[in-house]
C-alpha cells in the first residue's frame, strides 16, 4: 500500500481513504457503497457488506477505489449509472 498515508489501526477497517487528506468512516463508506450500487432493496445488505469487509485481505491504509473494486469482485455488484441515481445522491 501507500507509504505516504499512516494510520494506527490495530485491527479491522475503521476508515477508508478517499485521498491523502480525506477519508470515510466505515459506516459512511457502507452507506455510499449501498447508494452507488443501488442496493437498498437487498435484505440485510449492510450485514452482508460488514461480513465481507471482515475478510478484506488488503493492508492499511485502504483506498476507496481499491475497496470498491474488491467488494464488487467478491460480491458481484456494480456501480449504478449516474443517470439512475437520485438527485439527492448527486
N, C-alpha and C. Protein backbone atom coordinates (compact mmCIF):
# COMPACT_ATOMS: atom_id res chain seq x y z
N UNK A 1 0.83 -1.19 0.00
CA UNK A 1 0.00 0.00 0.00
C UNK A 1 0.86 1.25 0.00
N UNK A 2 0.23 2.36 0.18
CA UNK A 2 0.92 3.65 0.08
C UNK A 2 1.64 3.99 1.37
N UNK A 3 2.88 4.47 1.22
CA UNK A 3 3.67 4.85 2.39
C UNK A 3 3.37 6.25 2.87
N UNK A 4 2.74 7.09 2.03
CA UNK A 4 2.51 8.48 2.43
C UNK A 4 1.29 8.65 3.32
N UNK A 5 0.57 7.59 3.57
CA UNK A 5 -0.57 7.62 4.48
C UNK A 5 -0.23 6.78 5.69
N UNK A 6 -0.48 7.30 6.85
CA UNK A 6 -0.19 6.49 8.03
C UNK A 6 -1.41 6.43 8.92
N UNK A 7 -1.68 5.26 9.42
CA UNK A 7 -2.77 5.07 10.36
C UNK A 7 -2.28 4.20 11.50
N UNK A 8 -2.96 4.28 12.59
CA UNK A 8 -2.62 3.46 13.75
C UNK A 8 -3.70 2.42 13.99
N UNK A 9 -4.24 1.87 12.92
CA UNK A 9 -5.29 0.88 13.04
C UNK A 9 -4.67 -0.44 13.45
N UNK A 10 -5.21 -1.01 14.52
CA UNK A 10 -4.65 -2.26 15.02
C UNK A 10 -5.39 -3.48 14.50
N UNK A 11 -6.61 -3.32 14.06
CA UNK A 11 -7.35 -4.45 13.54
C UNK A 11 -8.67 -4.00 12.95
N UNK A 12 -9.05 -4.60 11.84
CA UNK A 12 -10.31 -4.25 11.20
C UNK A 12 -10.25 -2.92 10.49
N UNK A 13 -11.25 -2.68 9.68
CA UNK A 13 -11.35 -1.41 8.96
C UNK A 13 -12.09 -0.39 9.80
N UNK A 14 -11.47 0.72 10.06
CA UNK A 14 -12.14 1.81 10.77
C UNK A 14 -12.49 2.95 9.84
N UNK A 15 -11.69 3.11 8.78
CA UNK A 15 -11.96 4.16 7.81
C UNK A 15 -11.42 3.74 6.46
N UNK A 16 -11.89 4.45 5.43
CA UNK A 16 -11.49 4.20 4.06
C UNK A 16 -11.05 5.54 3.48
N UNK A 17 -9.86 5.58 2.90
CA UNK A 17 -9.31 6.83 2.40
C UNK A 17 -9.81 7.17 1.00
N UNK A 18 -10.24 8.42 0.83
CA UNK A 18 -10.60 8.96 -0.48
C UNK A 18 -9.38 9.58 -1.14
N UNK A 19 -8.53 10.19 -0.33
CA UNK A 19 -7.29 10.82 -0.79
C UNK A 19 -6.34 10.84 0.40
N UNK A 20 -5.23 11.52 0.26
CA UNK A 20 -4.28 11.58 1.37
C UNK A 20 -4.81 12.39 2.54
N UNK A 21 -5.83 13.22 2.30
CA UNK A 21 -6.35 14.08 3.37
C UNK A 21 -7.81 13.83 3.70
N UNK A 22 -8.51 13.05 2.90
CA UNK A 22 -9.93 12.80 3.13
C UNK A 22 -10.18 11.31 3.34
N UNK A 23 -11.10 11.04 4.26
CA UNK A 23 -11.45 9.64 4.50
C UNK A 23 -12.90 9.52 4.94
N UNK A 24 -13.45 8.34 4.72
CA UNK A 24 -14.80 7.98 5.15
C UNK A 24 -14.68 7.16 6.43
N UNK A 25 -15.55 7.40 7.38
CA UNK A 25 -15.73 6.44 8.46
C UNK A 25 -16.35 5.21 7.81
N UNK A 26 -16.16 4.05 8.39
CA UNK A 26 -16.65 2.81 7.79
C UNK A 26 -18.15 2.86 7.54
N UNK A 27 -18.93 3.39 8.48
CA UNK A 27 -20.38 3.49 8.29
C UNK A 27 -20.73 4.34 7.07
N UNK A 28 -20.01 5.44 6.88
CA UNK A 28 -20.25 6.31 5.71
C UNK A 28 -19.89 5.59 4.43
N UNK A 29 -18.79 4.85 4.44
CA UNK A 29 -18.39 4.10 3.26
C UNK A 29 -19.47 3.09 2.89
N UNK A 30 -19.98 2.37 3.86
CA UNK A 30 -21.01 1.36 3.59
C UNK A 30 -22.25 2.02 3.01
N UNK A 31 -22.66 3.15 3.55
CA UNK A 31 -23.81 3.88 3.01
C UNK A 31 -23.57 4.33 1.58
N UNK A 32 -22.37 4.83 1.31
CA UNK A 32 -22.00 5.26 -0.04
C UNK A 32 -22.02 4.07 -0.99
N UNK A 33 -21.50 2.95 -0.55
CA UNK A 33 -21.46 1.76 -1.40
C UNK A 33 -22.88 1.30 -1.74
N UNK A 34 -23.74 1.27 -0.75
CA UNK A 34 -25.14 0.87 -0.98
C UNK A 34 -25.82 1.82 -1.95
N UNK A 35 -25.59 3.12 -1.79
CA UNK A 35 -26.21 4.11 -2.69
C UNK A 35 -25.69 4.00 -4.11
N UNK A 36 -24.37 3.89 -4.29
CA UNK A 36 -23.82 3.89 -5.64
C UNK A 36 -24.08 2.59 -6.38
N UNK A 37 -24.43 1.54 -5.66
CA UNK A 37 -24.78 0.27 -6.31
C UNK A 37 -26.29 0.05 -6.30
N UNK A 38 -27.03 1.00 -5.75
CA UNK A 38 -28.50 0.92 -5.68
C UNK A 38 -28.95 -0.41 -5.06
N UNK A 39 -28.42 -0.69 -3.88
CA UNK A 39 -28.67 -1.97 -3.21
C UNK A 39 -29.67 -1.89 -2.07
N UNK A 40 -30.43 -0.81 -1.99
CA UNK A 40 -31.36 -0.62 -0.87
C UNK A 40 -32.40 -1.74 -0.76
N UNK A 41 -32.75 -2.36 -1.87
CA UNK A 41 -33.80 -3.38 -1.85
C UNK A 41 -33.29 -4.76 -1.43
N UNK A 42 -32.00 -4.93 -1.28
CA UNK A 42 -31.46 -6.23 -0.90
C UNK A 42 -31.53 -6.40 0.62
N UNK A 43 -32.24 -7.43 1.08
CA UNK A 43 -32.37 -7.65 2.52
C UNK A 43 -31.00 -7.85 3.18
N UNK A 44 -30.80 -7.23 4.30
CA UNK A 44 -29.59 -7.38 5.12
C UNK A 44 -28.31 -7.05 4.36
N UNK A 45 -28.38 -6.12 3.42
CA UNK A 45 -27.19 -5.78 2.64
C UNK A 45 -26.08 -5.22 3.52
N UNK A 46 -26.45 -4.41 4.51
CA UNK A 46 -25.42 -3.83 5.38
C UNK A 46 -24.67 -4.92 6.14
N UNK A 47 -25.39 -5.90 6.65
CA UNK A 47 -24.76 -7.00 7.37
C UNK A 47 -23.87 -7.82 6.42
N UNK A 48 -24.31 -8.02 5.19
CA UNK A 48 -23.52 -8.76 4.21
C UNK A 48 -22.22 -8.02 3.89
N UNK A 49 -22.30 -6.70 3.76
CA UNK A 49 -21.10 -5.91 3.48
C UNK A 49 -20.14 -5.97 4.66
N UNK A 50 -20.66 -5.82 5.87
CA UNK A 50 -19.80 -5.87 7.05
C UNK A 50 -19.11 -7.24 7.18
N UNK A 51 -19.84 -8.29 6.87
CA UNK A 51 -19.25 -9.63 6.93
C UNK A 51 -18.15 -9.77 5.87
N UNK A 52 -18.40 -9.27 4.67
CA UNK A 52 -17.38 -9.34 3.63
C UNK A 52 -16.16 -8.51 4.01
N UNK A 53 -16.37 -7.34 4.58
CA UNK A 53 -15.26 -6.46 4.95
C UNK A 53 -14.35 -7.07 6.01
N UNK A 54 -14.90 -7.94 6.84
CA UNK A 54 -14.07 -8.62 7.84
C UNK A 54 -13.01 -9.50 7.18
N UNK A 55 -13.27 -9.91 5.93
CA UNK A 55 -12.34 -10.77 5.20
C UNK A 55 -11.49 -10.02 4.20
N UNK A 56 -11.51 -8.70 4.23
CA UNK A 56 -10.73 -7.92 3.27
C UNK A 56 -9.24 -8.23 3.46
N UNK A 57 -8.57 -8.68 2.39
CA UNK A 57 -7.17 -9.11 2.52
C UNK A 57 -6.15 -7.98 2.43
N UNK A 58 -6.58 -6.79 2.05
CA UNK A 58 -5.64 -5.69 1.87
C UNK A 58 -5.09 -5.17 3.19
N UNK A 59 -4.05 -4.35 3.06
CA UNK A 59 -3.42 -3.76 4.24
C UNK A 59 -3.77 -2.29 4.34
N UNK A 60 -3.63 -1.75 5.52
CA UNK A 60 -3.92 -0.34 5.77
C UNK A 60 -2.80 0.52 5.22
N UNK A 61 -3.08 1.69 4.74
CA UNK A 61 -4.38 2.33 4.62
C UNK A 61 -5.14 1.80 3.40
N UNK A 62 -6.45 1.76 3.50
CA UNK A 62 -7.30 1.22 2.46
C UNK A 62 -7.89 2.38 1.66
N UNK A 63 -7.66 2.37 0.36
CA UNK A 63 -8.19 3.40 -0.52
C UNK A 63 -9.57 2.98 -1.02
N UNK A 64 -10.48 3.95 -1.16
CA UNK A 64 -11.86 3.68 -1.51
C UNK A 64 -11.98 2.95 -2.85
N UNK A 65 -11.20 3.33 -3.85
CA UNK A 65 -11.32 2.67 -5.15
C UNK A 65 -10.89 1.20 -5.08
N UNK A 66 -9.87 0.90 -4.27
CA UNK A 66 -9.43 -0.48 -4.11
C UNK A 66 -10.48 -1.32 -3.39
N UNK A 67 -11.08 -0.73 -2.36
CA UNK A 67 -12.09 -1.46 -1.60
C UNK A 67 -13.36 -1.66 -2.42
N UNK A 68 -13.78 -0.63 -3.15
CA UNK A 68 -14.95 -0.78 -4.03
C UNK A 68 -14.73 -1.91 -5.03
N UNK A 69 -13.55 -1.93 -5.65
CA UNK A 69 -13.25 -2.97 -6.65
C UNK A 69 -13.25 -4.36 -6.02
N UNK A 70 -12.69 -4.47 -4.82
CA UNK A 70 -12.64 -5.77 -4.15
C UNK A 70 -14.04 -6.26 -3.79
N UNK A 71 -14.87 -5.38 -3.25
CA UNK A 71 -16.24 -5.78 -2.88
C UNK A 71 -17.02 -6.14 -4.15
N UNK A 72 -16.89 -5.33 -5.18
CA UNK A 72 -17.59 -5.63 -6.44
C UNK A 72 -17.23 -7.02 -6.94
N UNK A 73 -15.94 -7.33 -6.92
CA UNK A 73 -15.48 -8.64 -7.40
C UNK A 73 -15.94 -9.76 -6.47
N UNK A 74 -15.83 -9.52 -5.17
CA UNK A 74 -16.17 -10.55 -4.18
C UNK A 74 -17.66 -10.84 -4.14
N UNK A 75 -18.49 -9.78 -4.14
CA UNK A 75 -19.93 -9.97 -4.01
C UNK A 75 -20.69 -9.86 -5.33
N UNK A 76 -20.01 -9.42 -6.38
CA UNK A 76 -20.63 -9.39 -7.71
C UNK A 76 -21.51 -8.18 -7.98
N UNK A 77 -21.31 -7.08 -7.30
CA UNK A 77 -22.12 -5.88 -7.53
C UNK A 77 -21.41 -4.95 -8.51
N UNK A 78 -22.19 -4.00 -9.05
CA UNK A 78 -21.65 -2.98 -9.95
C UNK A 78 -22.24 -1.64 -9.57
N UNK A 79 -21.48 -0.59 -9.84
CA UNK A 79 -21.96 0.76 -9.57
C UNK A 79 -23.11 1.08 -10.50
N UNK A 80 -24.09 1.81 -9.98
CA UNK A 80 -25.22 2.25 -10.79
C UNK A 80 -24.74 3.37 -11.71
N UNK A 81 -25.33 3.46 -12.87
CA UNK A 81 -25.02 4.55 -13.79
C UNK A 81 -25.49 5.85 -13.17
N UNK A 82 -24.73 6.94 -13.31
CA UNK A 82 -25.11 8.22 -12.69
C UNK A 82 -26.53 8.67 -13.04
N UNK A 83 -27.04 8.33 -14.22
CA UNK A 83 -28.39 8.72 -14.60
C UNK A 83 -29.44 8.00 -13.77
N UNK A 84 -29.07 6.91 -13.15
CA UNK A 84 -30.01 6.13 -12.35
C UNK A 84 -30.03 6.55 -10.89
N UNK A 85 -29.06 7.38 -10.47
CA UNK A 85 -29.01 7.83 -9.08
C UNK A 85 -30.07 8.90 -8.83
N UNK A 86 -30.53 8.98 -7.61
CA UNK A 86 -31.49 10.00 -7.24
C UNK A 86 -30.78 11.36 -7.19
N UNK A 87 -31.53 12.42 -7.40
CA UNK A 87 -30.96 13.77 -7.40
C UNK A 87 -30.24 14.05 -6.09
N UNK A 88 -30.77 13.59 -4.97
CA UNK A 88 -30.14 13.85 -3.68
C UNK A 88 -28.79 13.13 -3.53
N UNK A 89 -28.53 12.11 -4.36
CA UNK A 89 -27.27 11.38 -4.30
C UNK A 89 -26.15 12.06 -5.08
N UNK A 90 -26.51 12.96 -5.96
CA UNK A 90 -25.51 13.59 -6.82
C UNK A 90 -24.75 14.66 -6.10
